[in-house]
Amino acid sequence: AQESVCARVKIEIKQELTLERQAFDAEMRITNSLPVTPLTQVEVEVRVTDETGAPVTITTDPNDLTAKFFIRQTHNDTAADGQVKGGSTAVLNWLLIPAPGSAGNSQLGKRYLVGATLRYRYGNETQEMVLNPDSILVKPMPALTLDYFLTRDVVGDDPFTQEIEAPEPYTLGVRVRNSGMAEAKKLKIDSAQPKIIDNQQGLA
């Protein structure tokens, strides 16, 4: 009499989806025209408002879902203590990435104003300058949904026969649905090899 054992094995297939996103490079140049005296304790606060001047939330936390923009500083020429030496120019850059929904409900997108407040010390005095903002246009983003589908039955060798049957190809597919107002550009899915993550019965 032949016996069989019902076994359960879990596998994991890691995938990475990438696509083109819109981002903005905010740049500030601070020129110290004084030949010797440095500017110290230089601080820059980047601000974003809508067209009416109402401030919108920006964050450095990529997990903050309430913010309209994610910001990350990508370049800073000032010294470690925030100093711009006399007769020199410091360049600072930030990357502004719009969050989903920040383009509004229009196919044309939504306009925002990006400005900054510059603070520094000159001698014993603290100076503050509010810089005129520049406008950016945030375009709509795609809204993607991934649907996975797979073959119900896996056909391989029958362990109850002497003959070794060849396995049949097994299909795992993914369908990408875009319900957003913009096309998904340069979309790519990289898929790793399947990996067994649970095999309590120690099957081969």
N, C-alpha and C. Protein backbone atom coordinates (compact mmCIF):
# COMPACT_ATOMS: atom_id res chain seq x y z
N ALA A 1 0.85 -1.18 0.00
CA ALA A 1 0.00 0.00 0.00
C ALA A 1 0.89 1.24 0.00
N GLN A 2 0.52 2.19 -0.84
CA GLN A 2 1.29 3.41 -0.92
C GLN A 2 0.75 4.42 0.09
N GLU A 3 1.68 5.18 0.68
CA GLU A 3 1.29 6.20 1.63
C GLU A 3 1.82 7.55 1.15
N SER A 4 1.09 8.57 1.49
CA SER A 4 1.53 9.91 1.14
C SER A 4 1.41 10.81 2.37
N VAL A 5 2.19 11.86 2.40
CA VAL A 5 2.18 12.82 3.49
C VAL A 5 1.89 14.19 2.91
N CYS A 6 0.94 14.89 3.50
CA CYS A 6 0.64 16.26 3.07
C CYS A 6 1.67 17.19 3.69
N ALA A 7 2.39 17.90 2.84
CA ALA A 7 3.45 18.80 3.32
C ALA A 7 3.16 20.21 2.87
N ARG A 8 3.63 21.15 3.68
CA ARG A 8 3.46 22.56 3.33
C ARG A 8 4.82 23.25 3.38
N VAL A 9 5.15 23.90 2.29
CA VAL A 9 6.41 24.63 2.18
C VAL A 9 6.09 26.05 1.74
N LYS A 10 6.68 27.02 2.40
CA LYS A 10 6.47 28.41 2.02
C LYS A 10 7.69 28.92 1.25
N ILE A 11 7.41 29.62 0.16
CA ILE A 11 8.49 30.24 -0.61
C ILE A 11 8.26 31.75 -0.68
N GLU A 12 9.34 32.46 -0.92
CA GLU A 12 9.28 33.91 -1.03
C GLU A 12 9.98 34.33 -2.32
N ILE A 13 9.34 35.22 -3.05
CA ILE A 13 9.93 35.75 -4.28
C ILE A 13 10.00 37.26 -4.11
N LYS A 14 11.19 37.78 -3.90
CA LYS A 14 11.35 39.22 -3.69
C LYS A 14 11.34 39.94 -5.04
N GLN A 15 10.61 41.04 -5.07
CA GLN A 15 10.53 41.84 -6.29
C GLN A 15 10.72 43.31 -5.94
N GLU A 16 11.27 44.03 -6.89
CA GLU A 16 11.47 45.47 -6.72
C GLU A 16 10.91 46.19 -7.93
N LEU A 17 9.99 47.11 -7.69
CA LEU A 17 9.39 47.89 -8.77
C LEU A 17 9.96 49.30 -8.73
N THR A 18 10.40 49.78 -9.85
CA THR A 18 10.91 51.15 -9.96
C THR A 18 10.20 51.86 -11.10
N LEU A 19 10.05 53.16 -10.97
CA LEU A 19 9.48 53.97 -12.03
C LEU A 19 10.00 55.39 -11.89
N GLU A 20 9.82 56.16 -12.94
CA GLU A 20 10.31 57.53 -12.94
C GLU A 20 9.40 58.40 -12.09
N ARG A 21 10.03 59.24 -11.24
CA ARG A 21 9.28 60.15 -10.39
C ARG A 21 9.72 61.59 -10.67
N GLN A 22 8.84 62.53 -10.39
CA GLN A 22 9.18 63.94 -10.53
C GLN A 22 9.83 64.43 -9.24
N ALA A 23 10.88 65.22 -9.39
CA ALA A 23 11.56 65.81 -8.24
C ALA A 23 12.13 67.16 -8.65
N PHE A 24 12.42 67.99 -7.66
CA PHE A 24 12.92 69.34 -7.91
C PHE A 24 14.20 69.56 -7.12
N ASP A 25 15.16 70.21 -7.78
CA ASP A 25 16.41 70.57 -7.13
C ASP A 25 16.34 72.03 -6.70
N ALA A 26 16.32 72.27 -5.39
CA ALA A 26 16.32 73.63 -4.86
C ALA A 26 17.76 73.99 -4.52
N GLU A 27 18.24 75.10 -5.08
CA GLU A 27 19.64 75.49 -4.88
C GLU A 27 19.72 76.90 -4.31
N MET A 28 20.65 77.09 -3.39
CA MET A 28 20.92 78.41 -2.83
C MET A 28 22.42 78.66 -2.87
N ARG A 29 22.80 79.86 -3.34
CA ARG A 29 24.20 80.28 -3.33
C ARG A 29 24.35 81.45 -2.37
N ILE A 30 25.24 81.29 -1.41
CA ILE A 30 25.50 82.33 -0.41
C ILE A 30 26.89 82.87 -0.67
N THR A 31 26.97 84.11 -1.12
CA THR A 31 28.25 84.75 -1.40
C THR A 31 28.59 85.73 -0.29
N ASN A 32 29.71 85.51 0.36
CA ASN A 32 30.20 86.41 1.39
C ASN A 32 31.20 87.35 0.74
N SER A 33 30.77 88.57 0.47
CA SER A 33 31.62 89.54 -0.22
C SER A 33 32.60 90.23 0.71
N LEU A 34 32.47 89.98 2.01
CA LEU A 34 33.45 90.54 2.94
C LEU A 34 34.78 89.80 2.76
N PRO A 35 35.88 90.51 2.62
CA PRO A 35 37.13 89.83 2.28
C PRO A 35 37.68 88.93 3.37
N VAL A 36 37.43 89.25 4.63
CA VAL A 36 38.04 88.49 5.73
C VAL A 36 37.00 87.91 6.69
N THR A 37 36.00 88.72 7.03
CA THR A 37 35.06 88.33 8.09
C THR A 37 34.15 87.19 7.61
N PRO A 38 34.07 86.10 8.35
CA PRO A 38 33.19 85.00 7.95
C PRO A 38 31.75 85.21 8.41
N LEU A 39 30.84 84.56 7.72
CA LEU A 39 29.46 84.44 8.21
C LEU A 39 29.39 83.14 8.99
N THR A 40 28.86 83.18 10.20
CA THR A 40 28.83 82.00 11.05
C THR A 40 27.39 81.60 11.36
N GLN A 41 27.26 80.37 11.84
CA GLN A 41 25.96 79.80 12.24
C GLN A 41 24.92 79.97 11.14
N VAL A 42 25.34 79.66 9.91
CA VAL A 42 24.44 79.79 8.76
C VAL A 42 23.38 78.69 8.82
N GLU A 43 22.12 79.07 8.76
CA GLU A 43 21.00 78.14 8.75
C GLU A 43 20.04 78.53 7.64
N VAL A 44 19.50 77.53 6.95
CA VAL A 44 18.53 77.78 5.89
C VAL A 44 17.29 76.93 6.16
N GLU A 45 16.15 77.58 6.20
CA GLU A 45 14.88 76.88 6.37
C GLU A 45 14.10 76.98 5.06
N VAL A 46 13.95 75.84 4.38
CA VAL A 46 13.21 75.80 3.12
C VAL A 46 11.72 75.77 3.43
N ARG A 47 10.95 76.60 2.71
CA ARG A 47 9.51 76.69 2.93
C ARG A 47 8.78 76.48 1.61
N VAL A 48 7.65 75.80 1.68
CA VAL A 48 6.80 75.56 0.51
C VAL A 48 5.40 76.02 0.84
N THR A 49 4.80 76.80 -0.07
CA THR A 49 3.41 77.24 0.10
C THR A 49 2.65 76.93 -1.18
N ASP A 50 1.31 76.98 -1.08
CA ASP A 50 0.52 76.87 -2.30
C ASP A 50 0.45 78.25 -2.97
N GLU A 51 -0.31 78.35 -4.03
CA GLU A 51 -0.35 79.62 -4.78
C GLU A 51 -0.93 80.77 -3.97
N THR A 52 -1.74 80.46 -2.97
CA THR A 52 -2.33 81.52 -2.15
C THR A 52 -1.42 81.96 -1.02
N GLY A 53 -0.27 81.26 -0.87
CA GLY A 53 0.65 81.59 0.21
C GLY A 53 0.46 80.78 1.47
N ALA A 54 -0.50 79.86 1.46
CA ALA A 54 -0.72 79.00 2.63
C ALA A 54 0.39 77.95 2.71
N PRO A 55 1.05 77.83 3.86
CA PRO A 55 2.15 76.86 3.96
C PRO A 55 1.66 75.42 3.85
N VAL A 56 2.49 74.59 3.24
CA VAL A 56 2.20 73.15 3.16
C VAL A 56 3.31 72.42 3.90
N THR A 57 3.00 71.21 4.34
CA THR A 57 3.93 70.44 5.16
C THR A 57 4.99 69.78 4.30
N ILE A 58 6.26 69.96 4.69
CA ILE A 58 7.37 69.23 4.09
C ILE A 58 8.07 68.46 5.19
N THR A 59 8.68 67.33 4.86
CA THR A 59 9.26 66.48 5.90
C THR A 59 10.52 65.81 5.39
N THR A 60 11.37 65.42 6.34
CA THR A 60 12.54 64.60 6.03
C THR A 60 12.27 63.12 6.31
N ASP A 61 11.08 62.83 6.83
CA ASP A 61 10.71 61.45 7.18
C ASP A 61 9.94 60.83 6.01
N PRO A 62 10.52 59.85 5.31
CA PRO A 62 9.82 59.25 4.17
C PRO A 62 8.56 58.48 4.55
N ASN A 63 8.38 58.20 5.84
CA ASN A 63 7.20 57.46 6.30
C ASN A 63 6.06 58.38 6.74
N ASP A 64 6.28 59.69 6.66
CA ASP A 64 5.24 60.65 7.03
C ASP A 64 4.29 60.83 5.85
N LEU A 65 3.10 60.28 5.97
CA LEU A 65 2.13 60.30 4.88
C LEU A 65 1.26 61.56 4.87
N THR A 66 1.46 62.46 5.84
CA THR A 66 0.66 63.68 5.90
C THR A 66 1.31 64.82 5.14
N ALA A 67 2.58 64.71 4.80
CA ALA A 67 3.30 65.81 4.16
C ALA A 67 3.04 65.84 2.67
N LYS A 68 3.16 67.04 2.09
CA LYS A 68 3.00 67.21 0.65
C LYS A 68 4.31 66.98 -0.11
N PHE A 69 5.44 67.20 0.59
CA PHE A 69 6.74 67.04 -0.04
C PHE A 69 7.70 66.36 0.93
N PHE A 70 8.57 65.52 0.37
CA PHE A 70 9.70 64.98 1.11
C PHE A 70 10.94 65.77 0.69
N ILE A 71 11.75 66.20 1.66
CA ILE A 71 12.93 67.01 1.37
C ILE A 71 14.17 66.34 1.94
N ARG A 72 15.24 66.40 1.16
CA ARG A 72 16.52 65.84 1.61
C ARG A 72 17.64 66.73 1.10
N GLN A 73 18.54 67.12 1.98
CA GLN A 73 19.67 67.95 1.55
C GLN A 73 20.68 67.06 0.82
N THR A 74 21.08 67.50 -0.37
CA THR A 74 21.98 66.71 -1.19
C THR A 74 23.37 67.32 -1.30
N HIS A 75 23.52 68.60 -0.92
CA HIS A 75 24.83 69.24 -1.05
C HIS A 75 24.89 70.42 -0.09
N ASN A 76 26.07 70.62 0.52
CA ASN A 76 26.25 71.73 1.47
C ASN A 76 27.73 72.11 1.49
N ASP A 77 28.01 73.29 0.97
CA ASP A 77 29.39 73.77 0.92
C ASP A 77 29.83 74.50 2.19
N THR A 78 28.90 74.78 3.10
CA THR A 78 29.30 75.50 4.30
C THR A 78 30.15 74.59 5.18
N ALA A 79 30.95 75.19 6.06
CA ALA A 79 31.78 74.40 6.96
C ALA A 79 30.90 73.63 7.94
N ALA A 80 31.54 72.71 8.66
CA ALA A 80 30.79 71.85 9.58
C ALA A 80 30.03 72.67 10.63
N ASP A 81 30.57 73.83 11.01
CA ASP A 81 29.90 74.68 12.00
C ASP A 81 29.01 75.73 11.34
N GLY A 82 28.67 75.53 10.05
CA GLY A 82 27.79 76.46 9.36
C GLY A 82 28.44 77.78 9.04
N GLN A 83 29.68 77.75 8.59
CA GLN A 83 30.43 78.98 8.34
C GLN A 83 30.71 79.16 6.85
N VAL A 84 30.58 80.40 6.40
CA VAL A 84 30.97 80.77 5.04
C VAL A 84 32.13 81.76 5.16
N LYS A 85 33.29 81.36 4.73
CA LYS A 85 34.48 82.19 4.91
C LYS A 85 34.39 83.46 4.05
N GLY A 86 35.16 84.47 4.47
CA GLY A 86 35.19 85.72 3.74
C GLY A 86 35.69 85.54 2.31
N GLY A 87 35.04 86.23 1.37
CA GLY A 87 35.44 86.16 -0.02
C GLY A 87 35.15 84.83 -0.69
N SER A 88 34.19 84.06 -0.17
CA SER A 88 33.88 82.75 -0.76
C SER A 88 32.37 82.62 -0.99
N THR A 89 32.00 81.59 -1.76
CA THR A 89 30.60 81.30 -2.05
C THR A 89 30.29 79.87 -1.65
N ALA A 90 29.21 79.68 -0.91
CA ALA A 90 28.76 78.34 -0.51
C ALA A 90 27.49 78.00 -1.29
N VAL A 91 27.43 76.77 -1.75
CA VAL A 91 26.28 76.28 -2.51
C VAL A 91 25.58 75.20 -1.69
N LEU A 92 24.27 75.34 -1.55
CA LEU A 92 23.46 74.34 -0.84
C LEU A 92 22.35 73.85 -1.76
N ASN A 93 22.10 72.55 -1.73
CA ASN A 93 21.06 71.95 -2.57
C ASN A 93 20.16 71.05 -1.74
N TRP A 94 18.88 71.05 -2.11
CA TRP A 94 17.90 70.15 -1.51
C TRP A 94 17.11 69.48 -2.62
N LEU A 95 16.73 68.24 -2.39
CA LEU A 95 15.86 67.52 -3.32
C LEU A 95 14.45 67.51 -2.76
N LEU A 96 13.51 68.06 -3.54
CA LEU A 96 12.10 68.10 -3.16
C LEU A 96 11.34 67.08 -3.98
N ILE A 97 10.71 66.11 -3.30
CA ILE A 97 9.97 65.05 -3.99
C ILE A 97 8.49 65.18 -3.62
N PRO A 98 7.60 65.42 -4.59
CA PRO A 98 6.17 65.54 -4.27
C PRO A 98 5.60 64.22 -3.78
N ALA A 99 4.71 64.31 -2.81
CA ALA A 99 4.01 63.13 -2.31
C ALA A 99 2.80 62.84 -3.18
N PRO A 100 2.31 61.61 -3.19
CA PRO A 100 1.09 61.30 -3.94
C PRO A 100 -0.06 62.21 -3.51
N GLY A 101 -0.78 62.74 -4.48
CA GLY A 101 -1.90 63.63 -4.20
C GLY A 101 -1.56 65.10 -4.17
N SER A 102 -0.26 65.44 -4.18
CA SER A 102 0.12 66.85 -4.11
C SER A 102 -0.16 67.59 -5.41
N ALA A 103 -0.41 66.87 -6.50
CA ALA A 103 -0.73 67.53 -7.77
C ALA A 103 -2.20 67.92 -7.86
N GLY A 104 -3.00 67.58 -6.86
CA GLY A 104 -4.41 67.93 -6.90
C GLY A 104 -5.20 67.04 -7.85
N ASN A 105 -6.36 67.53 -8.26
CA ASN A 105 -7.25 66.74 -9.11
C ASN A 105 -7.26 67.21 -10.56
N SER A 106 -6.34 68.06 -10.93
CA SER A 106 -6.29 68.59 -12.28
C SER A 106 -5.27 67.84 -13.12
N GLN A 107 -5.62 67.62 -14.38
CA GLN A 107 -4.69 66.98 -15.31
C GLN A 107 -3.46 67.85 -15.54
N LEU A 108 -3.59 69.16 -15.33
CA LEU A 108 -2.48 70.08 -15.56
C LEU A 108 -1.52 70.15 -14.38
N GLY A 109 -1.93 69.64 -13.23
CA GLY A 109 -1.08 69.69 -12.06
C GLY A 109 -1.40 70.87 -11.16
N LYS A 110 -0.52 71.12 -10.20
CA LYS A 110 -0.74 72.18 -9.22
C LYS A 110 0.57 72.94 -8.99
N ARG A 111 0.44 74.25 -8.86
CA ARG A 111 1.62 75.10 -8.71
C ARG A 111 1.88 75.39 -7.22
N TYR A 112 3.16 75.35 -6.86
CA TYR A 112 3.59 75.67 -5.51
C TYR A 112 4.70 76.71 -5.57
N LEU A 113 4.92 77.38 -4.43
CA LEU A 113 5.99 78.37 -4.31
C LEU A 113 7.02 77.85 -3.31
N VAL A 114 8.28 77.84 -3.72
CA VAL A 114 9.37 77.35 -2.87
C VAL A 114 10.26 78.53 -2.51
N GLY A 115 10.36 78.82 -1.24
CA GLY A 115 11.20 79.91 -0.75
C GLY A 115 12.05 79.42 0.41
N ALA A 116 12.71 80.37 1.07
CA ALA A 116 13.57 80.00 2.19
C ALA A 116 13.80 81.20 3.09
N THR A 117 14.16 80.90 4.32
CA THR A 117 14.61 81.90 5.28
C THR A 117 16.07 81.62 5.61
N LEU A 118 16.91 82.62 5.42
CA LEU A 118 18.34 82.49 5.68
C LEU A 118 18.68 83.21 6.98
N ARG A 119 19.36 82.51 7.88
CA ARG A 119 19.81 83.10 9.14
C ARG A 119 21.32 82.89 9.27
N TYR A 120 22.01 83.91 9.78
CA TYR A 120 23.45 83.81 10.00
C TYR A 120 23.87 84.88 11.00
N ARG A 121 25.07 84.70 11.52
CA ARG A 121 25.64 85.69 12.43
C ARG A 121 26.79 86.41 11.74
N TYR A 122 26.77 87.73 11.85
CA TYR A 122 27.85 88.58 11.34
C TYR A 122 28.39 89.37 12.51
N GLY A 123 29.58 88.99 12.97
CA GLY A 123 30.09 89.58 14.19
C GLY A 123 29.26 89.13 15.36
N ASN A 124 28.66 90.08 16.08
CA ASN A 124 27.84 89.75 17.24
C ASN A 124 26.35 89.86 16.95
N GLU A 125 25.99 90.06 15.69
CA GLU A 125 24.59 90.27 15.33
C GLU A 125 24.06 89.07 14.54
N THR A 126 22.80 88.73 14.81
CA THR A 126 22.12 87.69 14.05
C THR A 126 21.26 88.34 12.97
N GLN A 127 21.48 87.93 11.73
CA GLN A 127 20.74 88.48 10.60
C GLN A 127 19.75 87.43 10.08
N GLU A 128 18.63 87.90 9.57
CA GLU A 128 17.62 87.01 8.98
C GLU A 128 17.11 87.61 7.70
N MET A 129 17.07 86.81 6.65
CA MET A 129 16.59 87.25 5.35
C MET A 129 15.52 86.29 4.86
N VAL A 130 14.38 86.82 4.45
CA VAL A 130 13.32 86.02 3.84
C VAL A 130 13.46 86.18 2.33
N LEU A 131 13.75 85.08 1.64
CA LEU A 131 14.03 85.13 0.22
C LEU A 131 12.75 84.98 -0.60
N ASN A 132 12.70 85.67 -1.73
CA ASN A 132 11.53 85.57 -2.61
C ASN A 132 11.40 84.15 -3.14
N PRO A 133 10.19 83.61 -3.15
CA PRO A 133 10.02 82.22 -3.61
C PRO A 133 10.03 82.10 -5.13
N ASP A 134 10.29 80.90 -5.59
CA ASP A 134 10.20 80.55 -6.99
C ASP A 134 9.08 79.52 -7.15
N SER A 135 8.47 79.45 -8.32
CA SER A 135 7.31 78.56 -8.51
C SER A 135 7.73 77.24 -9.15
N ILE A 136 7.06 76.18 -8.77
CA ILE A 136 7.24 74.87 -9.38
C ILE A 136 5.86 74.33 -9.73
N LEU A 137 5.80 73.48 -10.73
CA LEU A 137 4.54 72.86 -11.15
C LEU A 137 4.63 71.36 -10.89
N VAL A 138 3.81 70.87 -9.98
CA VAL A 138 3.78 69.45 -9.65
C VAL A 138 2.77 68.76 -10.56
N LYS A 139 3.24 67.81 -11.33
CA LYS A 139 2.37 67.11 -12.27
C LYS A 139 1.74 65.88 -11.62
N PRO A 140 0.60 65.42 -12.17
CA PRO A 140 -0.05 64.23 -11.59
C PRO A 140 0.87 63.01 -11.66
N MET A 141 0.63 62.09 -10.73
CA MET A 141 1.41 60.87 -10.65
C MET A 141 0.55 59.67 -11.02
N PRO A 142 1.18 58.58 -11.47
CA PRO A 142 0.41 57.35 -11.66
C PRO A 142 0.01 56.75 -10.32
N ALA A 143 -1.07 56.00 -10.31
CA ALA A 143 -1.52 55.27 -9.11
C ALA A 143 -1.59 53.80 -9.50
N LEU A 144 -0.63 53.02 -9.05
CA LEU A 144 -0.47 51.65 -9.52
C LEU A 144 -1.03 50.64 -8.53
N THR A 145 -1.67 49.61 -9.08
CA THR A 145 -2.12 48.47 -8.31
C THR A 145 -1.55 47.21 -8.95
N LEU A 146 -0.94 46.34 -8.14
CA LEU A 146 -0.35 45.11 -8.65
C LEU A 146 -1.26 43.93 -8.33
N ASP A 147 -1.65 43.20 -9.36
CA ASP A 147 -2.45 41.99 -9.20
C ASP A 147 -1.60 40.79 -9.61
N TYR A 148 -1.42 39.84 -8.68
CA TYR A 148 -0.63 38.64 -8.95
C TYR A 148 -1.57 37.48 -9.26
N PHE A 149 -1.14 36.66 -10.19
CA PHE A 149 -1.91 35.45 -10.50
C PHE A 149 -0.93 34.31 -10.75
N LEU A 150 -1.36 33.08 -10.45
CA LEU A 150 -0.47 31.94 -10.57
C LEU A 150 -1.26 30.69 -10.94
N THR A 151 -0.52 29.71 -11.42
CA THR A 151 -1.12 28.43 -11.78
C THR A 151 -1.56 27.69 -10.52
N ARG A 152 -2.76 27.13 -10.55
CA ARG A 152 -3.27 26.48 -9.35
C ARG A 152 -2.52 25.20 -9.03
N ASP A 153 -2.28 24.37 -10.04
CA ASP A 153 -1.64 23.07 -9.82
C ASP A 153 -0.19 23.10 -10.29
N VAL A 154 0.67 22.56 -9.47
CA VAL A 154 2.09 22.40 -9.82
C VAL A 154 2.29 20.94 -10.23
N VAL A 155 2.74 20.74 -11.46
CA VAL A 155 2.90 19.38 -11.99
C VAL A 155 4.38 19.03 -12.00
N GLY A 156 4.73 17.96 -11.28
CA GLY A 156 6.12 17.49 -11.24
C GLY A 156 6.16 15.98 -11.28
N ASP A 157 7.24 15.41 -10.78
CA ASP A 157 7.42 13.96 -10.79
C ASP A 157 6.43 13.28 -9.84
N ASP A 158 5.85 12.19 -10.31
CA ASP A 158 4.94 11.39 -9.48
C ASP A 158 5.80 10.43 -8.64
N PRO A 159 5.80 10.61 -7.30
CA PRO A 159 6.66 9.76 -6.47
C PRO A 159 6.21 8.31 -6.38
N PHE A 160 5.01 7.98 -6.87
CA PHE A 160 4.50 6.62 -6.77
C PHE A 160 4.75 5.79 -8.02
N THR A 161 5.55 6.31 -8.93
CA THR A 161 5.90 5.55 -10.14
C THR A 161 7.41 5.49 -10.26
N GLN A 162 7.89 4.41 -10.92
CA GLN A 162 9.32 4.26 -11.15
C GLN A 162 9.83 5.28 -12.17
N GLU A 163 8.97 5.60 -13.11
CA GLU A 163 9.36 6.55 -14.16
C GLU A 163 9.45 7.97 -13.58
N ILE A 164 10.43 8.73 -14.04
CA ILE A 164 10.60 10.12 -13.61
C ILE A 164 9.94 11.03 -14.64
N GLU A 165 8.85 11.63 -14.24
CA GLU A 165 8.14 12.53 -15.15
C GLU A 165 8.78 13.93 -15.09
N ALA A 166 8.88 14.54 -16.25
CA ALA A 166 9.47 15.89 -16.32
C ALA A 166 8.48 16.90 -15.75
N PRO A 167 8.96 17.86 -14.99
CA PRO A 167 8.06 18.89 -14.46
C PRO A 167 7.58 19.82 -15.57
N GLU A 168 6.41 20.38 -15.36
CA GLU A 168 5.87 21.34 -16.33
C GLU A 168 6.14 22.77 -15.84
N PRO A 169 6.37 23.69 -16.76
CA PRO A 169 6.62 25.08 -16.36
C PRO A 169 5.46 25.62 -15.52
N TYR A 170 5.82 26.43 -14.55
CA TYR A 170 4.84 27.00 -13.62
C TYR A 170 4.82 28.51 -13.82
N THR A 171 3.64 29.05 -13.97
CA THR A 171 3.51 30.47 -14.32
C THR A 171 3.13 31.30 -13.10
N LEU A 172 3.92 32.35 -12.85
CA LEU A 172 3.58 33.38 -11.88
C LEU A 172 3.56 34.70 -12.64
N GLY A 173 2.43 35.35 -12.65
CA GLY A 173 2.29 36.58 -13.43
C GLY A 173 1.89 37.75 -12.56
N VAL A 174 2.10 38.95 -13.07
CA VAL A 174 1.67 40.16 -12.38
C VAL A 174 1.07 41.12 -13.40
N ARG A 175 -0.05 41.69 -13.03
CA ARG A 175 -0.72 42.67 -13.89
C ARG A 175 -0.67 44.02 -13.16
N VAL A 176 -0.19 45.05 -13.85
CA VAL A 176 -0.06 46.38 -13.27
C VAL A 176 -1.20 47.25 -13.82
N ARG A 177 -2.04 47.74 -12.91
CA ARG A 177 -3.14 48.60 -13.30
C ARG A 177 -2.84 50.03 -12.85
N ASN A 178 -2.99 50.97 -13.75
CA ASN A 178 -2.74 52.38 -13.44
C ASN A 178 -4.07 53.12 -13.43
N SER A 179 -4.50 53.55 -12.25
CA SER A 179 -5.75 54.29 -12.12
C SER A 179 -5.50 55.77 -11.91
N GLY A 180 -4.24 56.21 -12.06
CA GLY A 180 -3.92 57.61 -11.88
C GLY A 180 -4.14 58.43 -13.13
N MET A 181 -3.82 59.73 -13.06
CA MET A 181 -4.02 60.63 -14.19
C MET A 181 -2.77 60.79 -15.05
N ALA A 182 -1.69 60.10 -14.69
CA ALA A 182 -0.45 60.22 -15.46
C ALA A 182 0.07 58.84 -15.80
N GLU A 183 0.80 58.76 -16.90
CA GLU A 183 1.36 57.47 -17.29
C GLU A 183 2.56 57.14 -16.39
N ALA A 184 2.80 55.85 -16.21
CA ALA A 184 3.95 55.39 -15.44
C ALA A 184 5.12 55.21 -16.41
N LYS A 185 6.13 56.05 -16.27
CA LYS A 185 7.25 56.04 -17.20
C LYS A 185 8.41 55.22 -16.63
N LYS A 186 9.09 54.53 -17.55
CA LYS A 186 10.28 53.73 -17.22
C LYS A 186 9.99 52.75 -16.09
N LEU A 187 8.83 52.10 -16.15
CA LEU A 187 8.46 51.14 -15.12
C LEU A 187 9.23 49.84 -15.34
N LYS A 188 9.75 49.29 -14.25
CA LYS A 188 10.56 48.08 -14.33
C LYS A 188 10.35 47.25 -13.07
N ILE A 189 10.20 45.94 -13.24
CA ILE A 189 10.06 45.04 -12.11
C ILE A 189 11.20 44.03 -12.16
N ASP A 190 12.02 44.02 -11.13
CA ASP A 190 13.10 43.03 -11.00
C ASP A 190 12.64 41.95 -10.03
N SER A 191 12.80 40.71 -10.45
CA SER A 191 12.33 39.58 -9.65
C SER A 191 13.49 38.68 -9.30
N ALA A 192 13.61 38.35 -8.02
CA ALA A 192 14.67 37.44 -7.57
C ALA A 192 14.21 35.99 -7.70
N GLN A 193 15.13 35.07 -7.52
CA GLN A 193 14.80 33.65 -7.56
C GLN A 193 13.97 33.27 -6.33
N PRO A 194 13.08 32.30 -6.46
CA PRO A 194 12.31 31.85 -5.29
C PRO A 194 13.23 31.34 -4.19
N LYS A 195 12.84 31.61 -2.95
CA LYS A 195 13.62 31.19 -1.79
C LYS A 195 12.69 30.51 -0.80
N ILE A 196 13.08 29.32 -0.33
CA ILE A 196 12.27 28.60 0.65
C ILE A 196 12.49 29.24 2.02
N ILE A 197 11.41 29.66 2.66
CA ILE A 197 11.52 30.32 3.96
C ILE A 197 10.90 29.48 5.08
N ASP A 198 10.16 28.43 4.73
CA ASP A 198 9.58 27.55 5.76
C ASP A 198 9.48 26.14 5.19
N ASN A 199 10.21 25.21 5.80
CA ASN A 199 10.24 23.83 5.34
C ASN A 199 10.41 22.93 6.58
N GLN A 200 9.35 22.85 7.40
CA GLN A 200 9.45 22.20 8.70
C GLN A 200 9.72 20.71 8.57
N GLN A 201 9.30 20.09 7.48
CA GLN A 201 9.51 18.65 7.32
C GLN A 201 10.82 18.31 6.64
N GLY A 202 11.61 19.34 6.31
CA GLY A 202 12.93 19.10 5.73
C GLY A 202 12.90 18.42 4.39
N LEU A 203 11.92 18.77 3.54
CA LEU A 203 11.84 18.15 2.22
C LEU A 203 13.03 18.57 1.37
N ALA A 204 13.37 17.74 0.43
CA ALA A 204 14.51 18.04 -0.45
C ALA A 204 14.18 19.24 -1.32
